[in-house]
Amino acid sequence: MTGSDHGKMREPAEQAGRDRIDRWLFHARLCRTRSMAQEAAASGRVRLNGVRVEKPGHAVKPGDILTLGLGGQILALRIVALAERRGPAIEAKALYEIVAD
């Protein structure tokens, strides 16, 4: 690794169109803070493609189905896109679509 590459190593979840589940939940405004998103993922309250998630660093990608409890309801949604930052609510809603029952 050269001096210019120092600090540029990416986490596995960030490679090839993927993101960490905690970061995605925060960017999609499904969790108020990043630490709340980390706690939700670590506690097993989130399912990814039907499998319980237990690590906040679990990778997600467009097309994945998330199931989580939100506001007293069970919400199933499909990840449509990833985001670089937490933007306004209108941008956040473009990151997912609700999966009909």
PDB file of N, CA and C in Angstrom:
ATOM      1  N   MET A   1       0.859  -1.169   0.000  1.00  0.00           N
ATOM      2  CA  MET A   1       0.000   0.000   0.000  1.00  0.00           C
ATOM      3  C   MET A   1       0.900   1.225   0.000  1.00  0.00           C
ATOM      4  N   THR A   2       0.612   2.151  -0.896  1.00  0.00           N
ATOM      5  CA  THR A   2       1.416   3.356  -0.965  1.00  0.00           C
ATOM      6  C   THR A   2       0.896   4.385   0.014  1.00  0.00           C
ATOM      7  N   GLY A   3       1.657   5.427   0.222  1.00  0.00           N
ATOM      8  CA  GLY A   3       1.259   6.480   1.154  1.00  0.00           C
ATOM      9  C   GLY A   3      -0.062   7.141   0.766  1.00  0.00           C
ATOM     10  N   SER A   4      -0.327   7.252  -0.542  1.00  0.00           N
ATOM     11  CA  SER A   4      -1.575   7.877  -0.982  1.00  0.00           C
ATOM     12  C   SER A   4      -2.774   6.967  -0.757  1.00  0.00           C
ATOM     13  N   ASP A   5      -2.546   5.647  -0.615  1.00  0.00           N
ATOM     14  CA  ASP A   5      -3.639   4.706  -0.379  1.00  0.00           C
ATOM     15  C   ASP A   5      -3.989   4.575   1.094  1.00  0.00           C
ATOM     16  N   HIS A   6      -3.131   5.103   1.961  1.00  0.00           N
ATOM     17  CA  HIS A   6      -3.354   4.969   3.396  1.00  0.00           C
ATOM     18  C   HIS A   6      -4.686   5.600   3.794  1.00  0.00           C
ATOM     19  N   GLY A   7      -5.490   4.867   4.531  1.00  0.00           N
ATOM     20  CA  GLY A   7      -6.766   5.376   5.006  1.00  0.00           C
ATOM     21  C   GLY A   7      -7.903   5.236   4.001  1.00  0.00           C
ATOM     22  N   LYS A   8      -7.622   4.673   2.828  1.00  0.00           N
ATOM     23  CA  LYS A   8      -8.651   4.549   1.807  1.00  0.00           C
ATOM     24  C   LYS A   8      -9.204   3.122   1.703  1.00  0.00           C
ATOM     25  N   MET A   9      -8.767   2.234   2.576  1.00  0.00           N
ATOM     26  CA  MET A   9      -9.284   0.867   2.530  1.00  0.00           C
ATOM     27  C   MET A   9     -10.750   0.896   2.933  1.00  0.00           C
ATOM     28  N   ARG A  10     -11.562   0.213   2.169  1.00  0.00           N
ATOM     29  CA  ARG A  10     -12.995   0.207   2.422  1.00  0.00           C
ATOM     30  C   ARG A  10     -13.378  -1.067   3.153  1.00  0.00           C
ATOM     31  N   GLU A  11     -14.414  -0.941   3.974  1.00  0.00           N
ATOM     32  CA  GLU A  11     -14.940  -2.104   4.662  1.00  0.00           C
ATOM     33  C   GLU A  11     -15.604  -3.010   3.631  1.00  0.00           C
ATOM     34  N   PRO A  12     -15.647  -4.326   3.854  1.00  0.00           N
ATOM     35  CA  PRO A  12     -16.254  -5.235   2.888  1.00  0.00           C
ATOM     36  C   PRO A  12     -17.694  -4.864   2.535  1.00  0.00           C
ATOM     37  N   ALA A  13     -18.473  -4.361   3.502  1.00  0.00           N
ATOM     38  CA  ALA A  13     -19.868  -4.008   3.236  1.00  0.00           C
ATOM     39  C   ALA A  13     -19.990  -2.844   2.268  1.00  0.00           C
ATOM     40  N   GLU A  14     -18.949  -2.039   2.126  1.00  0.00           N
ATOM     41  CA  GLU A  14     -19.016  -0.863   1.261  1.00  0.00           C
ATOM     42  C   GLU A  14     -18.578  -1.177  -0.171  1.00  0.00           C
ATOM     43  N   GLN A  15     -18.144  -2.372  -0.429  1.00  0.00           N
ATOM     44  CA  GLN A  15     -17.631  -2.711  -1.742  1.00  0.00           C
ATOM     45  C   GLN A  15     -18.754  -3.189  -2.646  1.00  0.00           C
ATOM     46  N   ALA A  16     -18.603  -2.937  -3.932  1.00  0.00           N
ATOM     47  CA  ALA A  16     -19.475  -3.475  -4.971  1.00  0.00           C
ATOM     48  C   ALA A  16     -20.955  -3.204  -4.741  1.00  0.00           C
ATOM     49  N   GLY A  17     -21.330  -1.950  -4.549  1.00  0.00           N
ATOM     50  CA  GLY A  17     -22.741  -1.598  -4.444  1.00  0.00           C
ATOM     51  C   GLY A  17     -23.427  -2.092  -3.197  1.00  0.00           C
ATOM     52  N   ARG A  18     -22.708  -2.166  -2.112  1.00  0.00           N
ATOM     53  CA  ARG A  18     -23.273  -2.607  -0.839  1.00  0.00           C
ATOM     54  C   ARG A  18     -23.049  -1.532   0.214  1.00  0.00           C
ATOM     55  N   ASP A  19     -23.817  -1.629   1.297  1.00  0.00           N
ATOM     56  CA  ASP A  19     -23.664  -0.703   2.409  1.00  0.00           C
ATOM     57  C   ASP A  19     -23.943  -1.466   3.697  1.00  0.00           C
ATOM     58  N   ARG A  20     -23.531  -0.919   4.806  1.00  0.00           N
ATOM     59  CA  ARG A  20     -23.836  -1.499   6.116  1.00  0.00           C
ATOM     60  C   ARG A  20     -25.303  -1.288   6.421  1.00  0.00           C
ATOM     61  N   ILE A  21     -25.939  -2.271   7.043  1.00  0.00           N
ATOM     62  CA  ILE A  21     -27.367  -2.161   7.329  1.00  0.00           C
ATOM     63  C   ILE A  21     -27.669  -1.013   8.282  1.00  0.00           C
ATOM     64  N   ASP A  22     -26.806  -0.776   9.269  1.00  0.00           N
ATOM     65  CA  ASP A  22     -27.068   0.324  10.200  1.00  0.00           C
ATOM     66  C   ASP A  22     -27.003   1.674   9.491  1.00  0.00           C
ATOM     67  N   ARG A  23     -26.051   1.837   8.606  1.00  0.00           N
ATOM     68  CA  ARG A  23     -25.911   3.102   7.878  1.00  0.00           C
ATOM     69  C   ARG A  23     -27.103   3.299   6.936  1.00  0.00           C
ATOM     70  N   TRP A  24     -27.526   2.203   6.276  1.00  0.00           N
ATOM     71  CA  TRP A  24     -28.663   2.314   5.365  1.00  0.00           C
ATOM     72  C   TRP A  24     -29.940   2.681   6.123  1.00  0.00           C
ATOM     73  N   LEU A  25     -30.198   2.060   7.273  1.00  0.00           N
ATOM     74  CA  LEU A  25     -31.379   2.382   8.076  1.00  0.00           C
ATOM     75  C   LEU A  25     -31.375   3.855   8.491  1.00  0.00           C
ATOM     76  N   PHE A  26     -30.210   4.367   8.823  1.00  0.00           N
ATOM     77  CA  PHE A  26     -30.067   5.780   9.203  1.00  0.00           C
ATOM     78  C   PHE A  26     -30.306   6.692   7.995  1.00  0.00           C
ATOM     79  N   HIS A  27     -29.682   6.378   6.865  1.00  0.00           N
ATOM     80  CA  HIS A  27     -29.843   7.195   5.661  1.00  0.00           C
ATOM     81  C   HIS A  27     -31.282   7.176   5.159  1.00  0.00           C
ATOM     82  N   ALA A  28     -31.976   6.051   5.324  1.00  0.00           N
ATOM     83  CA  ALA A  28     -33.369   5.932   4.871  1.00  0.00           C
ATOM     84  C   ALA A  28     -34.343   6.544   5.877  1.00  0.00           C
ATOM     85  N   ARG A  29     -33.813   7.081   6.961  1.00  0.00           N
ATOM     86  CA  ARG A  29     -34.614   7.723   8.009  1.00  0.00           C
ATOM     87  C   ARG A  29     -35.591   6.770   8.676  1.00  0.00           C
ATOM     88  N   LEU A  30     -35.225   5.501   8.751  1.00  0.00           N
ATOM     89  CA  LEU A  30     -36.032   4.527   9.471  1.00  0.00           C
ATOM     90  C   LEU A  30     -35.616   4.460  10.934  1.00  0.00           C
ATOM     91  N   CYS A  31     -34.434   4.984  11.234  1.00  0.00           N
ATOM     92  CA  CYS A  31     -33.946   5.124  12.610  1.00  0.00           C
ATOM     93  C   CYS A  31     -33.473   6.562  12.775  1.00  0.00           C
ATOM     94  N   ARG A  32     -33.790   7.146  13.907  1.00  0.00           N
ATOM     95  CA  ARG A  32     -33.484   8.555  14.146  1.00  0.00           C
ATOM     96  C   ARG A  32     -31.985   8.834  14.223  1.00  0.00           C
ATOM     97  N   THR A  33     -31.225   7.911  14.824  1.00  0.00           N
ATOM     98  CA  THR A  33     -29.777   8.093  14.931  1.00  0.00           C
ATOM     99  C   THR A  33     -29.061   6.846  14.441  1.00  0.00           C
ATOM    100  N   ARG A  34     -27.796   7.008  14.130  1.00  0.00           N
ATOM    101  CA  ARG A  34     -26.996   5.863  13.679  1.00  0.00           C
ATOM    102  C   ARG A  34     -26.857   4.854  14.801  1.00  0.00           C
ATOM    103  N   SER A  35     -26.706   5.326  16.049  1.00  0.00           N
ATOM    104  CA  SER A  35     -26.570   4.391  17.168  1.00  0.00           C
ATOM    105  C   SER A  35     -27.871   3.625  17.394  1.00  0.00           C
ATOM    106  N   MET A  36     -29.028   4.231  17.134  1.00  0.00           N
ATOM    107  CA  MET A  36     -30.298   3.504  17.226  1.00  0.00           C
ATOM    108  C   MET A  36     -30.371   2.432  16.138  1.00  0.00           C
ATOM    109  N   ALA A  37     -29.861   2.738  14.962  1.00  0.00           N
ATOM    110  CA  ALA A  37     -29.833   1.771  13.867  1.00  0.00           C
ATOM    111  C   ALA A  37     -28.891   0.617  14.200  1.00  0.00           C
ATOM    112  N   GLN A  38     -27.754   0.930  14.808  1.00  0.00           N
ATOM    113  CA  GLN A  38     -26.819  -0.119  15.218  1.00  0.00           C
ATOM    114  C   GLN A  38     -27.448  -1.028  16.261  1.00  0.00           C
ATOM    115  N   GLU A  39     -28.152  -0.433  17.217  1.00  0.00           N
ATOM    116  CA  GLU A  39     -28.786  -1.208  18.277  1.00  0.00           C
ATOM    117  C   GLU A  39     -29.909  -2.083  17.713  1.00  0.00           C
ATOM    118  N   ALA A  40     -30.688  -1.560  16.764  1.00  0.00           N
ATOM    119  CA  ALA A  40     -31.763  -2.339  16.149  1.00  0.00           C
ATOM    120  C   ALA A  40     -31.197  -3.551  15.419  1.00  0.00           C
ATOM    121  N   ALA A  41     -30.108  -3.356  14.690  1.00  0.00           N
ATOM    122  CA  ALA A  41     -29.495  -4.474  13.966  1.00  0.00           C
ATOM    123  C   ALA A  41     -28.865  -5.475  14.927  1.00  0.00           C
ATOM    124  N   ALA A  42     -28.184  -4.992  15.951  1.00  0.00           N
ATOM    125  CA  ALA A  42     -27.496  -5.882  16.896  1.00  0.00           C
ATOM    126  C   ALA A  42     -28.473  -6.675  17.761  1.00  0.00           C
ATOM    127  N   SER A  43     -29.660  -6.126  17.994  1.00  0.00           N
ATOM    128  CA  SER A  43     -30.630  -6.798  18.856  1.00  0.00           C
ATOM    129  C   SER A  43     -31.424  -7.868  18.121  1.00  0.00           C
ATOM    130  N   GLY A  44     -31.267  -7.954  16.806  1.00  0.00           N
ATOM    131  CA  GLY A  44     -31.989  -8.955  16.043  1.00  0.00           C
ATOM    132  C   GLY A  44     -33.405  -8.553  15.675  1.00  0.00           C
ATOM    133  N   ARG A  45     -33.740  -7.270  15.785  1.00  0.00           N
ATOM    134  CA  ARG A  45     -35.090  -6.798  15.455  1.00  0.00           C
ATOM    135  C   ARG A  45     -35.286  -6.575  13.959  1.00  0.00           C
ATOM    136  N   VAL A  46     -34.250  -6.800  13.179  1.00  0.00           N
ATOM    137  CA  VAL A  46     -34.315  -6.598  11.736  1.00  0.00           C
ATOM    138  C   VAL A  46     -34.047  -7.934  11.045  1.00  0.00           C
ATOM    139  N   ARG A  47     -34.842  -8.214  10.017  1.00  0.00           N
ATOM    140  CA  ARG A  47     -34.619  -9.408   9.192  1.00  0.00           C
ATOM    141  C   ARG A  47     -34.245  -8.955   7.790  1.00  0.00           C
ATOM    142  N   LEU A  48     -33.266  -9.627   7.226  1.00  0.00           N
ATOM    143  CA  LEU A  48     -32.797  -9.345   5.876  1.00  0.00           C
ATOM    144  C   LEU A  48     -33.052 -10.584   5.037  1.00  0.00           C
ATOM    145  N   ASN A  49     -33.926 -10.464   4.050  1.00  0.00           N
ATOM    146  CA  ASN A  49     -34.313 -11.596   3.203  1.00  0.00           C
ATOM    147  C   ASN A  49     -34.767 -12.789   4.046  1.00  0.00           C
ATOM    148  N   GLY A  50     -35.492 -12.501   5.133  1.00  0.00           N
ATOM    149  CA  GLY A  50     -36.055 -13.538   5.988  1.00  0.00           C
ATOM    150  C   GLY A  50     -35.128 -14.070   7.064  1.00  0.00           C
ATOM    151  N   VAL A  51     -33.890 -13.607   7.092  1.00  0.00           N
ATOM    152  CA  VAL A  51     -32.904 -14.077   8.068  1.00  0.00           C
ATOM    153  C   VAL A  51     -32.622 -12.977   9.081  1.00  0.00           C
ATOM    154  N   ARG A  52     -32.646 -13.343  10.346  1.00  0.00           N
ATOM    155  CA  ARG A  52     -32.407 -12.374  11.419  1.00  0.00           C
ATOM    156  C   ARG A  52     -30.997 -11.798  11.342  1.00  0.00           C
ATOM    157  N   VAL A  53     -30.894 -10.478  11.416  1.00  0.00           N
ATOM    158  CA  VAL A  53     -29.603  -9.780  11.386  1.00  0.00           C
ATOM    159  C   VAL A  53     -29.161  -9.561  12.823  1.00  0.00           C
ATOM    160  N   GLU A  54     -27.896  -9.838  13.110  1.00  0.00           N
ATOM    161  CA  GLU A  54     -27.381  -9.656  14.464  1.00  0.00           C
ATOM    162  C   GLU A  54     -26.150  -8.770  14.523  1.00  0.00           C
ATOM    163  N   LYS A  55     -25.724  -8.253  13.368  1.00  0.00           N
ATOM    164  CA  LYS A  55     -24.541  -7.385  13.342  1.00  0.00           C
ATOM    165  C   LYS A  55     -24.846  -6.109  12.567  1.00  0.00           C
ATOM    166  N   PRO A  56     -24.517  -4.954  13.132  1.00  0.00           N
ATOM    167  CA  PRO A  56     -24.779  -3.690  12.445  1.00  0.00           C
ATOM    168  C   PRO A  56     -24.002  -3.532  11.141  1.00  0.00           C
ATOM    169  N   GLY A  57     -22.927  -4.264  10.975  1.00  0.00           N
ATOM    170  CA  GLY A  57     -22.112  -4.159   9.773  1.00  0.00           C
ATOM    171  C   GLY A  57     -22.549  -5.091   8.658  1.00  0.00           C
ATOM    172  N   HIS A  58     -23.668  -5.774   8.832  1.00  0.00           N
ATOM    173  CA  HIS A  58     -24.155  -6.698   7.810  1.00  0.00           C
ATOM    174  C   HIS A  58     -24.399  -5.935   6.511  1.00  0.00           C
ATOM    175  N   ALA A  59     -23.990  -6.490   5.391  1.00  0.00           N
ATOM    176  CA  ALA A  59     -24.107  -5.811   4.103  1.00  0.00           C
ATOM    177  C   ALA A  59     -25.515  -5.920   3.523  1.00  0.00           C
ATOM    178  N   VAL A  60     -25.982  -4.823   2.938  1.00  0.00           N
ATOM    179  CA  VAL A  60     -27.240  -4.802   2.205  1.00  0.00           C
ATOM    180  C   VAL A  60     -26.975  -4.248   0.813  1.00  0.00           C
ATOM    181  N   LYS A  61     -27.856  -4.588  -0.107  1.00  0.00           N
ATOM    182  CA  LYS A  61     -27.720  -4.116  -1.483  1.00  0.00           C
ATOM    183  C   LYS A  61     -29.110  -3.906  -2.073  1.00  0.00           C
ATOM    184  N   PRO A  62     -29.222  -3.136  -3.138  1.00  0.00           N
ATOM    185  CA  PRO A  62     -30.524  -2.970  -3.778  1.00  0.00           C
ATOM    186  C   PRO A  62     -31.112  -4.326  -4.162  1.00  0.00           C
ATOM    187  N   GLY A  63     -32.409  -4.465  -3.903  1.00  0.00           N
ATOM    188  CA  GLY A  63     -33.101  -5.723  -4.168  1.00  0.00           C
ATOM    189  C   GLY A  63     -33.356  -6.539  -2.917  1.00  0.00           C
ATOM    190  N   ASP A  64     -32.608  -6.271  -1.841  1.00  0.00           N
ATOM    191  CA  ASP A  64     -32.807  -6.982  -0.581  1.00  0.00           C
ATOM    192  C   ASP A  64     -34.147  -6.582   0.037  1.00  0.00           C
ATOM    193  N   ILE A  65     -34.741  -7.514   0.784  1.00  0.00           N
ATOM    194  CA  ILE A  65     -35.992  -7.264   1.499  1.00  0.00           C
ATOM    195  C   ILE A  65     -35.685  -7.168   2.985  1.00  0.00           C
ATOM    196  N   LEU A  66     -36.089  -6.063   3.612  1.00  0.00           N
ATOM    197  CA  LEU A  66     -35.926  -5.864   5.051  1.00  0.00           C
ATOM    198  C   LEU A  66     -37.279  -5.964   5.722  1.00  0.00           C
ATOM    199  N   THR A  67     -37.320  -6.600   6.875  1.00  0.00           N
ATOM    200  CA  THR A  67     -38.521  -6.660   7.694  1.00  0.00           C
ATOM    201  C   THR A  67     -38.137  -6.149   9.073  1.00  0.00           C
ATOM    202  N   LEU A  68     -38.883  -5.152   9.567  1.00  0.00           N
ATOM    203  CA  LEU A  68     -38.583  -4.590  10.873  1.00  0.00           C
ATOM    204  C   LEU A  68     -39.848  -4.013  11.490  1.00  0.00           C
ATOM    205  N   GLY A  69     -39.831  -3.916  12.801  1.00  0.00           N
ATOM    206  CA  GLY A  69     -40.934  -3.282  13.515  1.00  0.00           C
ATOM    207  C   GLY A  69     -40.713  -1.783  13.540  1.00  0.00           C
ATOM    208  N   LEU A  70     -41.751  -1.043  13.178  1.00  0.00           N
ATOM    209  CA  LEU A  70     -41.634   0.407  13.132  1.00  0.00           C
ATOM    210  C   LEU A  70     -42.977   1.018  13.516  1.00  0.00           C
ATOM    211  N   GLY A  71     -42.984   1.783  14.572  1.00  0.00           N
ATOM    212  CA  GLY A  71     -44.207   2.446  15.010  1.00  0.00           C
ATOM    213  C   GLY A  71     -45.319   1.486  15.384  1.00  0.00           C
ATOM    214  N   GLY A  72     -44.982   0.371  15.982  1.00  0.00           N
ATOM    215  CA  GLY A  72     -45.982  -0.599  16.396  1.00  0.00           C
ATOM    216  C   GLY A  72     -46.480  -1.492  15.274  1.00  0.00           C
ATOM    217  N   GLN A  73     -45.893  -1.388  14.089  1.00  0.00           N
ATOM    218  CA  GLN A  73     -46.278  -2.215  12.950  1.00  0.00           C
ATOM    219  C   GLN A  73     -45.067  -2.958  12.426  1.00  0.00           C
ATOM    220  N   ILE A  74     -45.328  -4.073  11.751  1.00  0.00           N
ATOM    221  CA  ILE A  74     -44.262  -4.791  11.057  1.00  0.00           C
ATOM    222  C   ILE A  74     -44.217  -4.242   9.637  1.00  0.00           C
ATOM    223  N   LEU A  75     -43.037  -3.803   9.235  1.00  0.00           N
ATOM    224  CA  LEU A  75     -42.862  -3.174   7.933  1.00  0.00           C
ATOM    225  C   LEU A  75     -41.933  -4.038   7.082  1.00  0.00           C
ATOM    226  N   ALA A  76     -42.378  -4.366   5.877  1.00  0.00           N
ATOM    227  CA  ALA A  76     -41.537  -5.085   4.919  1.00  0.00           C
ATOM    228  C   ALA A  76     -41.257  -4.133   3.768  1.00  0.00           C
ATOM    229  N   LEU A  77     -39.993  -3.975   3.436  1.00  0.00           N
ATOM    230  CA  LEU A  77     -39.632  -3.069   2.361  1.00  0.00           C
ATOM    231  C   LEU A  77     -38.492  -3.621   1.531  1.00  0.00           C
ATOM    232  N   ARG A  78     -38.448  -3.188   0.288  1.00  0.00           N
ATOM    233  CA  ARG A  78     -37.394  -3.586  -0.644  1.00  0.00           C
ATOM    234  C   ARG A  78     -36.436  -2.418  -0.795  1.00  0.00           C
ATOM    235  N   ILE A  79     -35.150  -2.694  -0.665  1.00  0.00           N
ATOM    236  CA  ILE A  79     -34.129  -1.665  -0.854  1.00  0.00           C
ATOM    237  C   ILE A  79     -34.023  -1.381  -2.351  1.00  0.00           C
ATOM    238  N   VAL A  80     -34.208  -0.119  -2.714  1.00  0.00           N
ATOM    239  CA  VAL A  80     -34.157   0.297  -4.110  1.00  0.00           C
ATOM    240  C   VAL A  80     -32.803   0.908  -4.440  1.00  0.00           C
ATOM    241  N   ALA A  81     -32.236   1.649  -3.477  1.00  0.00           N
ATOM    242  CA  ALA A  81     -30.976   2.347  -3.730  1.00  0.00           C
ATOM    243  C   ALA A  81     -30.203   2.520  -2.427  1.00  0.00           C
ATOM    244  N   LEU A  82     -28.940   2.855  -2.573  1.00  0.00           N
ATOM    245  CA  LEU A  82     -28.070   3.184  -1.441  1.00  0.00           C
ATOM    246  C   LEU A  82     -27.831   4.688  -1.474  1.00  0.00           C
ATOM    247  N   ALA A  83     -27.423   5.252  -0.345  1.00  0.00           N
ATOM    248  CA  ALA A  83     -27.185   6.687  -0.280  1.00  0.00           C
ATOM    249  C   ALA A  83     -25.792   6.967   0.273  1.00  0.00           C
ATOM    250  N   GLU A  84     -25.230   8.082  -0.124  1.00  0.00           N
ATOM    251  CA  GLU A  84     -23.931   8.518   0.382  1.00  0.00           C
ATOM    252  C   GLU A  84     -24.073   9.263   1.703  1.00  0.00           C
ATOM    253  N   ARG A  85     -25.255   9.863   1.911  1.00  0.00           N
ATOM    254  CA  ARG A  85     -25.462  10.675   3.106  1.00  0.00           C
ATOM    255  C   ARG A  85     -26.928  10.591   3.520  1.00  0.00           C
ATOM    256  N   ARG A  86     -27.225  11.109   4.693  1.00  0.00           N
ATOM    257  CA  ARG A  86     -28.603  11.197   5.164  1.00  0.00           C
ATOM    258  C   ARG A  86     -29.177  12.506   4.632  1.00  0.00           C
ATOM    259  N   GLY A  87     -30.057  12.396   3.678  1.00  0.00           N
ATOM    260  CA  GLY A  87     -30.637  13.571   3.055  1.00  0.00           C
ATOM    261  C   GLY A  87     -32.025  13.861   3.592  1.00  0.00           C
ATOM    262  N   PRO A  88     -32.738  14.759   2.927  1.00  0.00           N
ATOM    263  CA  PRO A  88     -34.095  15.080   3.348  1.00  0.00           C
ATOM    264  C   PRO A  88     -35.032  13.877   3.175  1.00  0.00           C
ATOM    265  N   ALA A  89     -36.181  13.949   3.816  1.00  0.00           N
ATOM    266  CA  ALA A  89     -37.126  12.833   3.828  1.00  0.00           C
ATOM    267  C   ALA A  89     -37.522  12.388   2.423  1.00  0.00           C
ATOM    268  N   ILE A  90     -37.685  13.306   1.512  1.00  0.00           N
ATOM    269  CA  ILE A  90     -38.088  12.950   0.144  1.00  0.00           C
ATOM    270  C   ILE A  90     -37.028  12.071  -0.523  1.00  0.00           C
ATOM    271  N   GLU A  91     -35.743  12.363  -0.275  1.00  0.00           N
ATOM    272  CA  GLU A  91     -34.662  11.529  -0.812  1.00  0.00           C
ATOM    273  C   GLU A  91     -34.630  10.186  -0.104  1.00  0.00           C
ATOM    274  N   ALA A  92     -34.879  10.189   1.193  1.00  0.00           N
ATOM    275  CA  ALA A  92     -34.855   8.949   1.968  1.00  0.00           C
ATOM    276  C   ALA A  92     -35.932   7.984   1.493  1.00  0.00           C
ATOM    277  N   LYS A  93     -37.109   8.487   1.172  1.00  0.00           N
ATOM    278  CA  LYS A  93     -38.200   7.621   0.709  1.00  0.00           C
ATOM    279  C   LYS A  93     -37.898   6.993  -0.642  1.00  0.00           C
ATOM    280  N   ALA A  94     -37.006   7.583  -1.408  1.00  0.00           N
ATOM    281  CA  ALA A  94     -36.623   7.028  -2.713  1.00  0.00           C
ATOM    282  C   ALA A  94     -35.672   5.842  -2.561  1.00  0.00           C
ATOM    283  N   LEU A  95     -35.171   5.597  -1.348  1.00  0.00           N
ATOM    284  CA  LEU A  95     -34.237   4.487  -1.121  1.00  0.00           C
ATOM    285  C   LEU A  95     -34.928   3.144  -0.968  1.00  0.00           C
ATOM    286  N   TYR A  96     -36.254   3.141  -0.764  1.00  0.00           N
ATOM    287  CA  TYR A  96     -36.975   1.890  -0.543  1.00  0.00           C
ATOM    288  C   TYR A  96     -38.394   1.978  -1.056  1.00  0.00           C
ATOM    289  N   GLU A  97     -39.002   0.808  -1.197  1.00  0.00           N
ATOM    290  CA  GLU A  97     -40.427   0.732  -1.527  1.00  0.00           C
ATOM    291  C   GLU A  97     -41.060  -0.275  -0.576  1.00  0.00           C
ATOM    292  N   ILE A  98     -42.274   0.008  -0.171  1.00  0.00           N
ATOM    293  CA  ILE A  98     -43.005  -0.876   0.731  1.00  0.00           C
ATOM    294  C   ILE A  98     -43.438  -2.102  -0.047  1.00  0.00           C
ATOM    295  N   VAL A  99     -43.244  -3.273   0.543  1.00  0.00           N
ATOM    296  CA  VAL A  99     -43.675  -4.519  -0.077  1.00  0.00           C
ATOM    297  C   VAL A  99     -45.090  -4.792   0.401  1.00  0.00           C
ATOM    298  N   ALA A 100     -46.027  -4.929  -0.531  1.00  0.00           N
ATOM    299  CA  ALA A 100     -47.429  -5.173  -0.182  1.00  0.00           C
ATOM    300  C   ALA A 100     -47.579  -6.547   0.439  1.00  0.00           C
ATOM    301  N   ASP A 101     -48.520  -6.653   1.374  1.00  0.00           N
ATOM    302  CA  ASP A 101     -48.781  -7.932   2.036  1.00  0.00           C
ATOM    303  C   ASP A 101     -49.387  -8.932   1.092  1.00  0.00           C
TER     304      ASP A 101
END
